[in-house]
């Protein structure tokens, strides 16, 4: 096994990892968790200090 075989093996393993991540990201099992994470910015309260500064015009 020379360096070119190792490079080929790493390329194939990286591609398989990429395909695995794509399958996981678009799977139906992951969808509820992603939708909940997408709603997080809207559920958090605004920072009262920043809201007061904005009202005062600073």
N, C-alpha and C. Protein backbone atom coordinates (compact mmCIF):
# COMPACT_ATOMS: atom_id res chain seq x y z
N UNK A 1 0.86 -1.18 0.00
CA UNK A 1 0.00 0.00 0.00
C UNK A 1 0.90 1.24 0.00
N UNK A 2 0.76 2.04 -1.01
CA UNK A 2 1.55 3.26 -1.07
C UNK A 2 0.67 4.47 -0.75
N UNK A 3 1.24 5.64 -0.85
CA UNK A 3 0.54 6.87 -0.47
C UNK A 3 -0.68 7.13 -1.34
N UNK A 4 -0.64 6.73 -2.60
CA UNK A 4 -1.78 6.96 -3.49
C UNK A 4 -2.98 6.11 -3.10
N UNK A 5 -2.72 4.90 -2.63
CA UNK A 5 -3.82 4.06 -2.13
C UNK A 5 -4.45 4.68 -0.89
N UNK A 6 -3.61 5.22 -0.03
CA UNK A 6 -4.11 5.87 1.18
C UNK A 6 -4.93 7.11 0.82
N UNK A 7 -4.48 7.88 -0.13
CA UNK A 7 -5.23 9.06 -0.57
C UNK A 7 -6.58 8.67 -1.15
N UNK A 8 -6.60 7.61 -1.93
CA UNK A 8 -7.86 7.13 -2.50
C UNK A 8 -8.81 6.67 -1.41
N UNK A 9 -8.29 5.95 -0.45
CA UNK A 9 -9.11 5.47 0.66
C UNK A 9 -9.70 6.63 1.46
N UNK A 10 -8.91 7.64 1.75
CA UNK A 10 -9.39 8.81 2.48
C UNK A 10 -10.44 9.56 1.67
N UNK A 11 -10.26 9.65 0.38
CA UNK A 11 -11.24 10.31 -0.49
C UNK A 11 -12.57 9.57 -0.47
N UNK A 12 -12.53 8.26 -0.58
CA UNK A 12 -13.75 7.46 -0.57
C UNK A 12 -14.44 7.55 0.79
N UNK A 13 -13.68 7.46 1.87
CA UNK A 13 -14.28 7.56 3.21
C UNK A 13 -14.88 8.95 3.45
N UNK A 14 -14.23 9.98 2.97
CA UNK A 14 -14.76 11.34 3.11
C UNK A 14 -16.06 11.50 2.33
N UNK A 15 -16.10 10.94 1.13
CA UNK A 15 -17.31 11.01 0.32
C UNK A 15 -18.46 10.26 1.00
N UNK A 16 -18.18 9.08 1.55
CA UNK A 16 -19.21 8.32 2.26
C UNK A 16 -19.71 9.07 3.49
N UNK A 17 -18.80 9.73 4.18
CA UNK A 17 -19.20 10.54 5.34
C UNK A 17 -20.10 11.70 4.89
N UNK A 18 -19.76 12.35 3.80
CA UNK A 18 -20.57 13.44 3.27
C UNK A 18 -21.96 12.95 2.89
N UNK A 19 -22.04 11.82 2.21
CA UNK A 19 -23.34 11.26 1.83
C UNK A 19 -24.15 10.90 3.08
N UNK A 20 -23.49 10.35 4.08
CA UNK A 20 -24.17 10.02 5.33
C UNK A 20 -24.74 11.25 6.02
N UNK A 21 -24.00 12.33 6.04
CA UNK A 21 -24.48 13.57 6.65
C UNK A 21 -25.66 14.13 5.85
N UNK A 22 -25.59 14.06 4.54
CA UNK A 22 -26.71 14.53 3.70
C UNK A 22 -27.97 13.71 3.95
N UNK A 23 -27.83 12.40 4.03
CA UNK A 23 -28.98 11.54 4.30
C UNK A 23 -29.57 11.86 5.66
N UNK A 24 -28.72 12.04 6.66
CA UNK A 24 -29.20 12.37 8.01
C UNK A 24 -29.90 13.73 8.02
N UNK A 25 -29.33 14.72 7.35
CA UNK A 25 -29.90 16.06 7.37
C UNK A 25 -31.26 16.12 6.71
N UNK A 26 -31.47 15.32 5.68
CA UNK A 26 -32.74 15.36 4.96
C UNK A 26 -33.69 14.23 5.36
N UNK A 27 -33.37 13.50 6.42
CA UNK A 27 -34.24 12.40 6.84
C UNK A 27 -35.44 12.95 7.59
N UNK A 28 -36.51 12.20 7.57
CA UNK A 28 -37.73 12.61 8.27
C UNK A 28 -37.54 12.57 9.78
N UNK A 29 -36.67 11.73 10.27
CA UNK A 29 -36.43 11.62 11.71
C UNK A 29 -35.80 12.89 12.28
N UNK A 30 -35.00 13.58 11.49
CA UNK A 30 -34.31 14.78 11.96
C UNK A 30 -35.16 16.04 11.80
N UNK A 31 -36.23 15.99 11.03
CA UNK A 31 -37.01 17.18 10.72
C UNK A 31 -37.60 17.86 11.96
N UNK A 32 -38.21 17.15 12.92
CA UNK A 32 -38.75 17.85 14.09
C UNK A 32 -37.69 18.60 14.90
N UNK A 33 -36.52 18.02 15.04
CA UNK A 33 -35.46 18.70 15.79
C UNK A 33 -35.00 19.95 15.06
N UNK A 34 -34.90 19.89 13.74
CA UNK A 34 -34.48 21.06 12.97
C UNK A 34 -35.55 22.15 13.00
N UNK A 35 -36.83 21.77 12.96
CA UNK A 35 -37.89 22.77 13.02
C UNK A 35 -37.92 23.45 14.38
N UNK A 36 -37.68 22.69 15.44
CA UNK A 36 -37.63 23.29 16.77
C UNK A 36 -36.44 24.25 16.88
N UNK A 37 -35.31 23.87 16.35
CA UNK A 37 -34.14 24.74 16.37
C UNK A 37 -34.37 26.00 15.54
N UNK A 38 -35.14 25.90 14.47
CA UNK A 38 -35.43 27.06 13.63
C UNK A 38 -36.33 28.06 14.35
N UNK A 39 -37.15 27.59 15.29
CA UNK A 39 -38.05 28.48 16.02
C UNK A 39 -37.39 29.14 17.23
N UNK A 40 -36.23 28.69 17.64
CA UNK A 40 -35.59 29.21 18.85
C UNK A 40 -35.37 30.72 18.84
N UNK A 41 -34.91 31.34 17.77
CA UNK A 41 -34.71 32.79 17.82
C UNK A 41 -35.99 33.58 18.07
N UNK A 42 -37.12 33.03 17.68
CA UNK A 42 -38.38 33.73 17.86
C UNK A 42 -38.98 33.51 19.24
N UNK A 43 -38.53 32.49 19.95
CA UNK A 43 -39.07 32.19 21.27
C UNK A 43 -38.35 32.94 22.38
N UNK A 44 -37.12 33.37 22.14
CA UNK A 44 -36.35 34.04 23.17
C UNK A 44 -36.83 35.48 23.32
N UNK A 45 -36.82 35.96 24.58
CA UNK A 45 -37.18 37.34 24.84
C UNK A 45 -36.04 38.26 24.40
N UNK A 46 -36.41 39.47 24.04
CA UNK A 46 -35.38 40.44 23.69
C UNK A 46 -34.65 40.87 24.94
N UNK A 47 -33.42 41.29 24.77
CA UNK A 47 -32.62 41.78 25.88
C UNK A 47 -33.18 43.13 26.31
N UNK A 48 -33.62 43.27 27.57
CA UNK A 48 -34.24 44.54 28.00
C UNK A 48 -33.29 45.73 27.90
N UNK A 49 -32.01 45.53 28.09
CA UNK A 49 -31.06 46.63 28.00
C UNK A 49 -31.01 47.15 26.56
N UNK A 50 -30.96 46.26 25.61
CA UNK A 50 -30.93 46.68 24.21
C UNK A 50 -32.25 47.32 23.80
N UNK A 51 -33.36 46.83 24.32
CA UNK A 51 -34.66 47.39 23.98
C UNK A 51 -34.78 48.81 24.52
N UNK A 52 -34.28 49.08 25.73
CA UNK A 52 -34.34 50.42 26.31
C UNK A 52 -33.45 51.39 25.53
N UNK A 53 -32.28 50.95 25.12
CA UNK A 53 -31.40 51.82 24.34
C UNK A 53 -32.03 52.19 23.00
N UNK A 54 -32.73 51.25 22.41
CA UNK A 54 -33.36 51.51 21.12
C UNK A 54 -34.51 52.51 21.27
N UNK A 55 -35.25 52.43 22.37
CA UNK A 55 -36.37 53.36 22.59
C UNK A 55 -35.87 54.78 22.84
N UNK A 56 -34.72 54.90 23.50
CA UNK A 56 -34.18 56.22 23.80
C UNK A 56 -33.51 56.86 22.60
N UNK A 57 -33.26 56.10 21.57
CA UNK A 57 -32.63 56.64 20.37
C UNK A 57 -31.13 56.66 20.42
N UNK A 58 -30.51 55.91 21.31
CA UNK A 58 -29.04 55.86 21.41
C UNK A 58 -28.47 54.88 20.46
